[in-house]
Amino acid sequence: MILPSKHLNFASSLLGLGSYILSKLTDKPLSIDELWDVYNEDMKNKKYFSAHSFDNLILALIFLYSINTIKETKGIIYKCD
């Protein structure tokens, strides 16, 4: 589900996952594998409250790229200005 609804909270939606990804890209650009590792570490430490698959991470990245929020160069993902 892309957007949250009455039965789906924000963290469980791809929009919420995209917001989380953007917050992680403010410090420094990361590769997809590094983003996945950071997400798994945050899940383990209970800093993010909704489980997502790697496929959802890719879908959220595609969504962010399509709205021109992130860019990719040589496998590294950057937050657009």
PDB file of N, CA and C in Angstrom:
ATOM      1  N   MET A   1       0.840  -1.171   0.000  1.00  0.00           N
ATOM      2  CA  MET A   1       0.000   0.000   0.000  1.00  0.00           C
ATOM      3  C   MET A   1       0.889   1.239   0.000  1.00  0.00           C
ATOM      4  N   ILE A   2       0.651   2.115  -0.940  1.00  0.00           N
ATOM      5  CA  ILE A   2       1.479   3.311  -1.050  1.00  0.00           C
ATOM      6  C   ILE A   2       1.123   4.327   0.024  1.00  0.00           C
ATOM      7  N   LEU A   3      -0.160   4.617   0.172  1.00  0.00           N
ATOM      8  CA  LEU A   3      -0.606   5.643   1.115  1.00  0.00           C
ATOM      9  C   LEU A   3      -1.208   5.019   2.364  1.00  0.00           C
ATOM     10  N   PRO A   4      -1.093   5.689   3.507  1.00  0.00           N
ATOM     11  CA  PRO A   4      -1.757   5.186   4.709  1.00  0.00           C
ATOM     12  C   PRO A   4      -3.272   5.304   4.558  1.00  0.00           C
ATOM     13  N   SER A   5      -3.993   4.499   5.278  1.00  0.00           N
ATOM     14  CA  SER A   5      -5.455   4.553   5.247  1.00  0.00           C
ATOM     15  C   SER A   5      -5.973   4.331   6.659  1.00  0.00           C
ATOM     16  N   LYS A   6      -7.277   4.131   6.756  1.00  0.00           N
ATOM     17  CA  LYS A   6      -7.883   3.945   8.065  1.00  0.00           C
ATOM     18  C   LYS A   6      -7.332   2.693   8.751  1.00  0.00           C
ATOM     19  N   HIS A   7      -6.980   1.681   7.964  1.00  0.00           N
ATOM     20  CA  HIS A   7      -6.524   0.418   8.536  1.00  0.00           C
ATOM     21  C   HIS A   7      -5.018   0.189   8.381  1.00  0.00           C
ATOM     22  N   LEU A   8      -4.307   1.181   7.885  1.00  0.00           N
ATOM     23  CA  LEU A   8      -2.864   1.058   7.677  1.00  0.00           C
ATOM     24  C   LEU A   8      -2.184   2.316   8.197  1.00  0.00           C
ATOM     25  N   ASN A   9      -1.270   2.159   9.147  1.00  0.00           N
ATOM     26  CA  ASN A   9      -0.628   3.348   9.692  1.00  0.00           C
ATOM     27  C   ASN A   9       0.454   3.867   8.746  1.00  0.00           C
ATOM     28  N   PHE A  10       0.932   5.064   9.017  1.00  0.00           N
ATOM     29  CA  PHE A  10       1.880   5.741   8.134  1.00  0.00           C
ATOM     30  C   PHE A  10       3.173   4.948   7.975  1.00  0.00           C
ATOM     31  N   ALA A  11       3.698   4.399   9.045  1.00  0.00           N
ATOM     32  CA  ALA A  11       4.968   3.664   8.995  1.00  0.00           C
ATOM     33  C   ALA A  11       4.870   2.412   8.131  1.00  0.00           C
ATOM     34  N   SER A  12       3.675   1.851   8.001  1.00  0.00           N
ATOM     35  CA  SER A  12       3.488   0.638   7.200  1.00  0.00           C
ATOM     36  C   SER A  12       3.321   0.917   5.714  1.00  0.00           C
ATOM     37  N   SER A  13       3.119   2.164   5.348  1.00  0.00           N
ATOM     38  CA  SER A  13       2.917   2.513   3.945  1.00  0.00           C
ATOM     39  C   SER A  13       4.259   2.782   3.256  1.00  0.00           C
ATOM     40  N   LEU A  14       4.267   2.724   1.936  1.00  0.00           N
ATOM     41  CA  LEU A  14       5.478   3.051   1.180  1.00  0.00           C
ATOM     42  C   LEU A  14       5.821   4.525   1.326  1.00  0.00           C
ATOM     43  N   LEU A  15       4.823   5.354   1.504  1.00  0.00           N
ATOM     44  CA  LEU A  15       5.061   6.776   1.736  1.00  0.00           C
ATOM     45  C   LEU A  15       5.819   6.979   3.057  1.00  0.00           C
ATOM     46  N   GLY A  16       5.424   6.248   4.081  1.00  0.00           N
ATOM     47  CA  GLY A  16       6.121   6.319   5.363  1.00  0.00           C
ATOM     48  C   GLY A  16       7.537   5.783   5.266  1.00  0.00           C
ATOM     49  N   LEU A  17       7.712   4.689   4.524  1.00  0.00           N
ATOM     50  CA  LEU A  17       9.053   4.142   4.319  1.00  0.00           C
ATOM     51  C   LEU A  17       9.911   5.127   3.535  1.00  0.00           C
ATOM     52  N   GLY A  18       9.311   5.805   2.558  1.00  0.00           N
ATOM     53  CA  GLY A  18      10.037   6.825   1.800  1.00  0.00           C
ATOM     54  C   GLY A  18      10.486   7.968   2.690  1.00  0.00           C
ATOM     55  N   SER A  19       9.642   8.362   3.610  1.00  0.00           N
ATOM     56  CA  SER A  19      10.001   9.412   4.564  1.00  0.00           C
ATOM     57  C   SER A  19      11.175   8.976   5.437  1.00  0.00           C
ATOM     58  N   TYR A  20      11.143   7.741   5.862  1.00  0.00           N
ATOM     59  CA  TYR A  20      12.248   7.185   6.652  1.00  0.00           C
ATOM     60  C   TYR A  20      13.546   7.196   5.837  1.00  0.00           C
ATOM     61  N   ILE A  21      13.475   6.777   4.579  1.00  0.00           N
ATOM     62  CA  ILE A  21      14.653   6.754   3.701  1.00  0.00           C
ATOM     63  C   ILE A  21      15.230   8.151   3.556  1.00  0.00           C
ATOM     64  N   LEU A  22      14.375   9.138   3.325  1.00  0.00           N
ATOM     65  CA  LEU A  22      14.858  10.515   3.186  1.00  0.00           C
ATOM     66  C   LEU A  22      15.555  10.997   4.450  1.00  0.00           C
ATOM     67  N   SER A  23      15.044  10.594   5.599  1.00  0.00           N
ATOM     68  CA  SER A  23      15.681  11.010   6.856  1.00  0.00           C
ATOM     69  C   SER A  23      17.072  10.399   6.994  1.00  0.00           C
ATOM     70  N   LYS A  24      17.280   9.223   6.450  1.00  0.00           N
ATOM     71  CA  LYS A  24      18.585   8.573   6.526  1.00  0.00           C
ATOM     72  C   LYS A  24      19.565   9.136   5.497  1.00  0.00           C
ATOM     73  N   LEU A  25      19.061   9.737   4.435  1.00  0.00           N
ATOM     74  CA  LEU A  25      19.934  10.291   3.395  1.00  0.00           C
ATOM     75  C   LEU A  25      20.358  11.724   3.691  1.00  0.00           C
ATOM     76  N   THR A  26      19.872  12.322   4.763  1.00  0.00           N
ATOM     77  CA  THR A  26      20.265  13.699   5.077  1.00  0.00           C
ATOM     78  C   THR A  26      21.697  13.766   5.591  1.00  0.00           C
ATOM     79  N   ASP A  27      22.160  12.721   6.282  1.00  0.00           N
ATOM     80  CA  ASP A  27      23.516  12.703   6.821  1.00  0.00           C
ATOM     81  C   ASP A  27      24.563  12.505   5.728  1.00  0.00           C
ATOM     82  N   LYS A  28      24.346  11.488   4.900  1.00  0.00           N
ATOM     83  CA  LYS A  28      25.285  11.190   3.823  1.00  0.00           C
ATOM     84  C   LYS A  28      24.600  10.287   2.801  1.00  0.00           C
ATOM     85  N   PRO A  29      25.069  10.298   1.557  1.00  0.00           N
ATOM     86  CA  PRO A  29      24.519   9.401   0.549  1.00  0.00           C
ATOM     87  C   PRO A  29      24.862   7.945   0.883  1.00  0.00           C
ATOM     88  N   LEU A  30      23.969   7.027   0.524  1.00  0.00           N
ATOM     89  CA  LEU A  30      24.149   5.616   0.829  1.00  0.00           C
ATOM     90  C   LEU A  30      23.823   4.753  -0.381  1.00  0.00           C
ATOM     91  N   SER A  31      24.367   3.557  -0.411  1.00  0.00           N
ATOM     92  CA  SER A  31      23.983   2.583  -1.432  1.00  0.00           C
ATOM     93  C   SER A  31      22.700   1.882  -0.969  1.00  0.00           C
ATOM     94  N   ILE A  32      22.096   1.119  -1.855  1.00  0.00           N
ATOM     95  CA  ILE A  32      20.876   0.392  -1.489  1.00  0.00           C
ATOM     96  C   ILE A  32      21.175  -0.612  -0.382  1.00  0.00           C
ATOM     97  N   ASP A  33      22.300  -1.307  -0.485  1.00  0.00           N
ATOM     98  CA  ASP A  33      22.668  -2.265   0.559  1.00  0.00           C
ATOM     99  C   ASP A  33      22.879  -1.587   1.905  1.00  0.00           C
ATOM    100  N   GLU A  34      23.500  -0.416   1.891  1.00  0.00           N
ATOM    101  CA  GLU A  34      23.701   0.324   3.144  1.00  0.00           C
ATOM    102  C   GLU A  34      22.376   0.786   3.723  1.00  0.00           C
ATOM    103  N   LEU A  35      21.462   1.239   2.861  1.00  0.00           N
ATOM    104  CA  LEU A  35      20.126   1.627   3.340  1.00  0.00           C
ATOM    105  C   LEU A  35      19.414   0.445   3.975  1.00  0.00           C
ATOM    106  N   TRP A  36      19.509  -0.722   3.342  1.00  0.00           N
ATOM    107  CA  TRP A  36      18.870  -1.924   3.859  1.00  0.00           C
ATOM    108  C   TRP A  36      19.473  -2.302   5.213  1.00  0.00           C
ATOM    109  N   ASP A  37      20.791  -2.198   5.336  1.00  0.00           N
ATOM    110  CA  ASP A  37      21.449  -2.512   6.605  1.00  0.00           C
ATOM    111  C   ASP A  37      21.038  -1.536   7.706  1.00  0.00           C
ATOM    112  N   VAL A  38      20.957  -0.254   7.373  1.00  0.00           N
ATOM    113  CA  VAL A  38      20.534   0.760   8.347  1.00  0.00           C
ATOM    114  C   VAL A  38      19.094   0.496   8.790  1.00  0.00           C
ATOM    115  N   TYR A  39      18.227   0.174   7.827  1.00  0.00           N
ATOM    116  CA  TYR A  39      16.831  -0.130   8.150  1.00  0.00           C
ATOM    117  C   TYR A  39      16.741  -1.342   9.078  1.00  0.00           C
ATOM    118  N   ASN A  40      17.458  -2.409   8.758  1.00  0.00           N
ATOM    119  CA  ASN A  40      17.421  -3.611   9.603  1.00  0.00           C
ATOM    120  C   ASN A  40      17.963  -3.338  11.000  1.00  0.00           C
ATOM    121  N   GLU A  41      18.990  -2.522  11.092  1.00  0.00           N
ATOM    122  CA  GLU A  41      19.541  -2.159  12.398  1.00  0.00           C
ATOM    123  C   GLU A  41      18.519  -1.355  13.209  1.00  0.00           C
ATOM    124  N   ASP A  42      17.836  -0.416  12.554  1.00  0.00           N
ATOM    125  CA  ASP A  42      16.804   0.373  13.237  1.00  0.00           C
ATOM    126  C   ASP A  42      15.622  -0.499  13.661  1.00  0.00           C
ATOM    127  N   MET A  43      15.276  -1.484  12.843  1.00  0.00           N
ATOM    128  CA  MET A  43      14.195  -2.410  13.222  1.00  0.00           C
ATOM    129  C   MET A  43      14.613  -3.220  14.449  1.00  0.00           C
ATOM    130  N   LYS A  44      15.847  -3.677  14.446  1.00  0.00           N
ATOM    131  CA  LYS A  44      16.346  -4.479  15.568  1.00  0.00           C
ATOM    132  C   LYS A  44      16.382  -3.657  16.854  1.00  0.00           C
ATOM    133  N   ASN A  45      16.723  -2.377  16.748  1.00  0.00           N
ATOM    134  CA  ASN A  45      16.800  -1.499  17.917  1.00  0.00           C
ATOM    135  C   ASN A  45      15.495  -0.773  18.205  1.00  0.00           C
ATOM    136  N   LYS A  46      14.417  -1.155  17.494  1.00  0.00           N
ATOM    137  CA  LYS A  46      13.076  -0.593  17.686  1.00  0.00           C
ATOM    138  C   LYS A  46      13.020   0.914  17.452  1.00  0.00           C
ATOM    139  N   LYS A  47      13.781   1.400  16.457  1.00  0.00           N
ATOM    140  CA  LYS A  47      13.734   2.809  16.067  1.00  0.00           C
ATOM    141  C   LYS A  47      12.767   3.027  14.914  1.00  0.00           C
ATOM    142  N   TYR A  48      12.351   1.933  14.258  1.00  0.00           N
ATOM    143  CA  TYR A  48      11.323   1.993  13.216  1.00  0.00           C
ATOM    144  C   TYR A  48      10.368   0.856  13.515  1.00  0.00           C
ATOM    145  N   PHE A  49       9.072   1.119  13.407  1.00  0.00           N
ATOM    146  CA  PHE A  49       8.090   0.214  14.002  1.00  0.00           C
ATOM    147  C   PHE A  49       7.311  -0.648  13.018  1.00  0.00           C
ATOM    148  N   SER A  50       7.684  -0.644  11.755  1.00  0.00           N
ATOM    149  CA  SER A  50       6.926  -1.436  10.800  1.00  0.00           C
ATOM    150  C   SER A  50       7.876  -2.240   9.922  1.00  0.00           C
ATOM    151  N   ALA A  51       7.617  -3.524   9.833  1.00  0.00           N
ATOM    152  CA  ALA A  51       8.471  -4.406   9.036  1.00  0.00           C
ATOM    153  C   ALA A  51       8.152  -4.256   7.554  1.00  0.00           C
ATOM    154  N   HIS A  52       9.193  -4.099   6.748  1.00  0.00           N
ATOM    155  CA  HIS A  52       9.066  -4.018   5.297  1.00  0.00           C
ATOM    156  C   HIS A  52      10.036  -5.000   4.676  1.00  0.00           C
ATOM    157  N   SER A  53       9.708  -5.453   3.483  1.00  0.00           N
ATOM    158  CA  SER A  53      10.597  -6.342   2.740  1.00  0.00           C
ATOM    159  C   SER A  53      11.573  -5.509   1.914  1.00  0.00           C
ATOM    160  N   PHE A  54      12.578  -6.181   1.373  1.00  0.00           N
ATOM    161  CA  PHE A  54      13.526  -5.513   0.496  1.00  0.00           C
ATOM    162  C   PHE A  54      12.801  -4.982  -0.738  1.00  0.00           C
ATOM    163  N   ASP A  55      11.790  -5.722  -1.211  1.00  0.00           N
ATOM    164  CA  ASP A  55      10.988  -5.263  -2.350  1.00  0.00           C
ATOM    165  C   ASP A  55      10.309  -3.932  -2.049  1.00  0.00           C
ATOM    166  N   ASN A  56       9.804  -3.764  -0.841  1.00  0.00           N
ATOM    167  CA  ASN A  56       9.177  -2.490  -0.462  1.00  0.00           C
ATOM    168  C   ASN A  56      10.190  -1.357  -0.433  1.00  0.00           C
ATOM    169  N   LEU A  57      11.411  -1.667  -0.012  1.00  0.00           N
ATOM    170  CA  LEU A  57      12.461  -0.654  -0.024  1.00  0.00           C
ATOM    171  C   LEU A  57      12.709  -0.188  -1.465  1.00  0.00           C
ATOM    172  N   ILE A  58      12.779  -1.130  -2.383  1.00  0.00           N
ATOM    173  CA  ILE A  58      12.995  -0.795  -3.793  1.00  0.00           C
ATOM    174  C   ILE A  58      11.820   0.020  -4.329  1.00  0.00           C
ATOM    175  N   LEU A  59      10.596  -0.385  -3.992  1.00  0.00           N
ATOM    176  CA  LEU A  59       9.415   0.356  -4.445  1.00  0.00           C
ATOM    177  C   LEU A  59       9.397   1.778  -3.894  1.00  0.00           C
ATOM    178  N   ALA A  60       9.787   1.939  -2.642  1.00  0.00           N
ATOM    179  CA  ALA A  60       9.845   3.281  -2.050  1.00  0.00           C
ATOM    180  C   ALA A  60      10.918   4.121  -2.746  1.00  0.00           C
ATOM    181  N   LEU A  61      12.061   3.514  -3.085  1.00  0.00           N
ATOM    182  CA  LEU A  61      13.111   4.238  -3.808  1.00  0.00           C
ATOM    183  C   LEU A  61      12.633   4.642  -5.203  1.00  0.00           C
ATOM    184  N   ILE A  62      11.920   3.756  -5.875  1.00  0.00           N
ATOM    185  CA  ILE A  62      11.368   4.078  -7.197  1.00  0.00           C
ATOM    186  C   ILE A  62      10.387   5.240  -7.084  1.00  0.00           C
ATOM    187  N   PHE A  63       9.541   5.210  -6.066  1.00  0.00           N
ATOM    188  CA  PHE A  63       8.596   6.297  -5.842  1.00  0.00           C
ATOM    189  C   PHE A  63       9.322   7.618  -5.608  1.00  0.00           C
ATOM    190  N   LEU A  64      10.331   7.602  -4.729  1.00  0.00           N
ATOM    191  CA  LEU A  64      11.087   8.828  -4.438  1.00  0.00           C
ATOM    192  C   LEU A  64      11.813   9.343  -5.673  1.00  0.00           C
ATOM    193  N   TYR A  65      12.340   8.434  -6.477  1.00  0.00           N
ATOM    194  CA  TYR A  65      13.018   8.839  -7.709  1.00  0.00           C
ATOM    195  C   TYR A  65      12.024   9.452  -8.701  1.00  0.00           C
ATOM    196  N   SER A  66      10.830   8.867  -8.772  1.00  0.00           N
ATOM    197  CA  SER A  66       9.832   9.349  -9.737  1.00  0.00           C
ATOM    198  C   SER A  66       9.320  10.747  -9.389  1.00  0.00           C
ATOM    199  N   ILE A  67       9.375  11.131  -8.132  1.00  0.00           N
ATOM    200  CA  ILE A  67       8.948  12.484  -7.755  1.00  0.00           C
ATOM    201  C   ILE A  67      10.154  13.414  -7.573  1.00  0.00           C
ATOM    202  N   ASN A  68      11.314  12.955  -8.076  1.00  0.00           N
ATOM    203  CA  ASN A  68      12.528  13.764  -8.126  1.00  0.00           C
ATOM    204  C   ASN A  68      13.008  14.201  -6.736  1.00  0.00           C
ATOM    205  N   THR A  69      12.941  13.280  -5.793  1.00  0.00           N
ATOM    206  CA  THR A  69      13.383  13.558  -4.437  1.00  0.00           C
ATOM    207  C   THR A  69      14.771  12.974  -4.175  1.00  0.00           C
ATOM    208  N   ILE A  70      15.099  11.904  -4.893  1.00  0.00           N
ATOM    209  CA  ILE A  70      16.425  11.306  -4.782  1.00  0.00           C
ATOM    210  C   ILE A  70      17.001  11.140  -6.179  1.00  0.00           C
ATOM    211  N   LYS A  71      18.330  10.975  -6.229  1.00  0.00           N
ATOM    212  CA  LYS A  71      19.002  10.666  -7.489  1.00  0.00           C
ATOM    213  C   LYS A  71      20.047   9.597  -7.207  1.00  0.00           C
ATOM    214  N   GLU A  72      20.479   8.920  -8.263  1.00  0.00           N
ATOM    215  CA  GLU A  72      21.434   7.833  -8.131  1.00  0.00           C
ATOM    216  C   GLU A  72      22.597   8.085  -9.071  1.00  0.00           C
ATOM    217  N   THR A  73      23.811   7.924  -8.554  1.00  0.00           N
ATOM    218  CA  THR A  73      25.010   8.039  -9.371  1.00  0.00           C
ATOM    219  C   THR A  73      25.975   6.942  -8.953  1.00  0.00           C
ATOM    220  N   LYS A  74      26.302   6.052  -9.881  1.00  0.00           N
ATOM    221  CA  LYS A  74      27.254   4.963  -9.635  1.00  0.00           C
ATOM    222  C   LYS A  74      26.869   4.109  -8.427  1.00  0.00           C
ATOM    223  N   GLY A  75      25.574   3.826  -8.285  1.00  0.00           N
ATOM    224  CA  GLY A  75      25.098   2.967  -7.211  1.00  0.00           C
ATOM    225  C   GLY A  75      24.906   3.642  -5.872  1.00  0.00           C
ATOM    226  N   ILE A  76      25.147   4.934  -5.793  1.00  0.00           N
ATOM    227  CA  ILE A  76      24.978   5.686  -4.546  1.00  0.00           C
ATOM    228  C   ILE A  76      23.750   6.569  -4.675  1.00  0.00           C
ATOM    229  N   ILE A  77      22.919   6.572  -3.655  1.00  0.00           N
ATOM    230  CA  ILE A  77      21.671   7.329  -3.671  1.00  0.00           C
ATOM    231  C   ILE A  77      21.868   8.621  -2.890  1.00  0.00           C
ATOM    232  N   TYR A  78      21.508   9.720  -3.534  1.00  0.00           N
ATOM    233  CA  TYR A  78      21.632  11.060  -2.960  1.00  0.00           C
ATOM    234  C   TYR A  78      20.259  11.683  -2.793  1.00  0.00           C
ATOM    235  N   LYS A  79      20.099  12.495  -1.788  1.00  0.00           N
ATOM    236  CA  LYS A  79      18.879  13.281  -1.619  1.00  0.00           C
ATOM    237  C   LYS A  79      19.015  14.534  -2.472  1.00  0.00           C
ATOM    238  N   CYS A  80      17.996  14.830  -3.284  1.00  0.00           N
ATOM    239  CA  CYS A  80      18.010  16.034  -4.122  1.00  0.00           C
ATOM    240  C   CYS A  80      17.832  17.273  -3.263  1.00  0.00           C
ATOM    241  N   ASP A  81      18.376  18.381  -3.727  1.00  0.00           N
ATOM    242  CA  ASP A  81      18.286  19.648  -2.990  1.00  0.00           C
ATOM    243  C   ASP A  81      16.925  20.273  -3.099  1.00  0.00           C
TER     244      ASP A  81
END
